[in-house]
Protein backbone atom coordinates (compact mmCIF):
# COMPACT_ATOMS: atom_id res chain seq x y z
CA MET A 1 -61.41 -44.03 15.51
CA SER A 2 -57.63 -42.72 14.41
CA GLU A 3 -56.35 -45.52 16.58
CA GLU A 4 -58.02 -47.93 14.11
CA LYS A 5 -57.38 -46.25 10.88
CA LYS A 6 -53.15 -46.35 12.07
CA ALA A 7 -53.82 -50.01 12.25
CA ASN A 8 -55.44 -50.03 9.05
CA VAL A 9 -52.47 -48.36 7.48
CA VAL A 10 -50.03 -50.44 8.81
CA ASP A 11 -51.91 -53.49 8.40
CA GLU A 12 -52.14 -52.63 4.68
CA SER A 13 -48.40 -51.74 4.42
CA VAL A 14 -47.61 -55.28 5.38
CA ILE A 15 -50.11 -56.82 2.68
CA LYS A 16 -48.20 -54.33 -0.24
CA GLY A 17 -44.58 -55.44 1.14
CA ASN A 18 -45.63 -59.38 0.87
CA GLU A 19 -47.11 -58.66 -2.27
CA ALA A 20 -43.96 -57.04 -3.48
CA GLU A 21 -41.96 -59.45 -1.82
CA GLU A 22 -43.71 -62.42 -3.78
CA PHE A 23 -43.66 -60.49 -7.11
CA ILE A 24 -39.31 -60.24 -6.98
CA LYS A 25 -39.70 -63.80 -6.21
CA LYS A 26 -41.54 -64.54 -9.01
CA ILE A 27 -39.46 -62.17 -11.70
CA ALA A 28 -36.16 -63.75 -10.04
CA ILE A 29 -37.42 -67.30 -11.07
CA LYS A 30 -38.24 -66.75 -14.33
CA ILE A 31 -35.01 -65.07 -14.94
CA ILE A 32 -33.22 -68.22 -13.41
CA ILE A 33 -35.05 -70.62 -15.54
CA SER A 34 -34.73 -68.30 -18.90
CA MET A 35 -30.95 -67.61 -17.71
CA ALA A 36 -31.08 -72.05 -17.57
CA ILE A 37 -33.09 -72.60 -21.10
CA LEU A 38 -30.23 -69.73 -22.96
CA ILE A 39 -27.70 -71.26 -21.71
CA VAL A 40 -28.89 -75.09 -22.66
CA GLY A 41 -29.83 -73.67 -26.04
CA VAL A 42 -26.50 -71.56 -26.61
CA GLY A 43 -24.70 -75.21 -25.57
CA ILE A 44 -26.22 -76.91 -28.10
CA ALA A 45 -25.85 -74.23 -30.67
CA VAL A 46 -21.67 -74.51 -29.78
CA TYR A 47 -21.98 -78.32 -30.56
CA TYR A 48 -23.58 -78.35 -33.22
CA THR A 49 -21.69 -75.69 -35.18
CA SER A 50 -18.52 -76.83 -33.80
CA GLY A 51 -18.41 -80.13 -36.57
CA ALA A 52 -19.08 -82.83 -33.38
CA VAL A 53 -21.85 -84.02 -34.95
């Protein structure tokens, strides 16, 4: 019985680790997309406010 419990604890920690890794990847992707949108937006704003149009 104790060996089975130890195996279950190890399996659960591995699953939690994978979930945390996926969560971090999702956050990183969102940050990258947000930064790209911000950079494009600032670029457009600077272009229009510089009097180039």
